[in-house]
Protein backbone atom coordinates (compact mmCIF):
# COMPACT_ATOMS: atom_id res chain seq x y z
CA MET A 1 0.00 0.00 0.00
CA PHE A 2 2.77 2.47 0.89
CA THR A 3 6.04 3.05 -0.94
CA ASP A 4 9.14 4.89 0.21
CA LYS A 5 9.13 8.62 -0.62
CA THR A 6 12.04 10.98 -0.90
CA LEU A 7 11.41 14.29 0.86
CA THR A 8 13.58 17.38 1.30
CA CYS A 9 14.41 18.64 4.79
CA LYS A 10 13.25 22.23 5.32
CA ASP A 11 16.18 22.94 7.67
CA CYS A 12 19.26 21.47 5.98
CA GLY A 13 17.90 21.00 2.44
CA LYS A 14 19.07 17.40 2.18
CA ASP A 15 16.88 14.61 0.84
CA PHE A 16 15.66 11.93 3.25
CA VAL A 17 13.49 8.85 2.87
CA PHE A 18 10.01 8.74 4.39
CA THR A 19 9.73 4.97 4.53
CA ALA A 20 6.61 2.93 3.88
CA GLY A 21 6.69 1.82 7.53
CA GLU A 22 6.83 5.42 8.74
CA GLN A 23 3.94 6.33 6.45
CA GLU A 24 1.90 3.46 7.86
CA PHE A 25 2.71 4.64 11.42
CA PHE A 26 1.61 8.19 10.51
CA GLU A 27 -1.68 6.88 9.09
CA GLN A 28 -2.36 4.69 12.14
CA HIS A 29 -1.86 7.67 14.44
CA SER A 30 -3.89 10.04 12.21
CA PHE A 31 -0.93 12.32 11.53
CA LEU A 32 -2.04 14.44 8.59
CA ASN A 33 1.27 16.02 7.55
CA GLU A 34 4.41 14.37 6.26
CA PRO A 35 7.63 15.10 8.20
CA GLN A 36 9.37 18.29 7.10
CA ARG A 37 12.75 17.57 8.69
CA CYS A 38 15.23 14.72 8.35
CA HIS A 39 15.96 12.52 11.35
CA SER A 40 19.10 14.43 12.40
CA CYS A 41 17.41 17.87 12.13
CA ARG A 42 14.39 16.60 14.09
CA LYS A 43 16.70 15.31 16.81
CA ARG A 44 18.72 18.56 16.84
CA ARG A 45 15.53 20.63 17.03
CA LYS A 46 14.13 18.49 19.84
CA ASN A 47 17.33 18.88 21.87
CA SER A 48 17.76 22.59 21.13
CA THR A 49 15.31 23.93 23.74
CA SER A 50 18.38 24.49 25.91
CA GLU A 51 21.51 22.71 27.03
CA THR A 52 19.67 21.40 30.12
CA GLY A 53 16.68 20.22 28.10
CA SER A 54 14.37 22.68 29.81
CA VAL A 55 12.20 25.32 28.20
CA VAL A 56 13.34 28.94 28.18
CA LEU A 57 10.89 31.14 30.11
CA TYR A 58 10.29 34.84 29.46
CA GLU A 59 9.17 37.20 32.20
CA VAL A 60 6.24 39.42 31.18
CA VAL A 61 3.76 41.81 32.76
CA CYS A 62 0.09 40.92 32.26
CA SER A 63 -1.61 43.41 29.93
CA LYS A 64 -4.81 43.25 32.00
CA CYS A 65 -3.86 43.16 35.72
CA GLY A 66 -0.14 43.97 35.74
CA GLU A 67 0.91 40.71 37.44
CA VAL A 68 4.40 39.43 36.56
CA GLU A 69 4.40 35.94 35.05
CA LYS A 70 6.82 33.68 33.17
CA ILE A 71 5.72 32.25 29.84
CA PRO A 72 7.29 29.58 27.56
CA PHE A 73 7.34 31.72 24.41
CA GLU A 74 8.91 35.01 23.42
CA PRO A 75 6.19 37.67 23.48
CA ARG A 76 5.52 39.87 20.47
CA HIS A 77 5.35 43.54 21.24
CA ASP A 78 2.32 44.08 18.99
CA ARG A 79 0.15 41.60 20.97
CA PRO A 80 -1.08 41.70 24.58
CA VAL A 81 0.13 39.01 26.99
CA PHE A 82 -2.01 37.84 29.89
CA CYS A 83 -1.24 36.02 33.14
CA SER A 84 -2.82 32.59 33.49
CA SER A 85 -5.69 33.93 35.66
CA CYS A 86 -6.68 36.68 33.22
CA TYR A 87 -6.24 34.38 30.23
CA LYS A 88 -8.54 31.79 31.82
CA LYS A 89 -11.20 34.46 32.50
CA ILE A 90 -10.98 35.72 28.94
CA LYS A 91 -11.29 32.17 27.51
CA GLU A 92 -14.33 31.52 29.73
CA GLY A 93 -15.92 34.82 28.67
CA LYS A 94 -15.71 36.29 32.17
CA ASP A 95 -13.44 39.20 31.37
CA GLY A 96 -16.11 41.81 32.01
CA LYS A 97 -16.57 42.80 28.37
């Protein structure tokens, strides 16, 4: 049913084989997209969060209440950032608007 496919890694530009077995695994787990990176780039990306393997946290001030919080992504200056309490209220529709 499946045959090996040659794909190009979006990071290093090298060709890699998306094997029939990998394709079958992707289908069984309902993965919709083919891999975009070769095995070594996937491994490098997975290990690149930091030398300790932990996520880098950024300290921000909540745009709604002013509380200081650490978040796992670098904030964009053109978008508001909320603490977890304010974010939860906004998602539940209890932000007073």
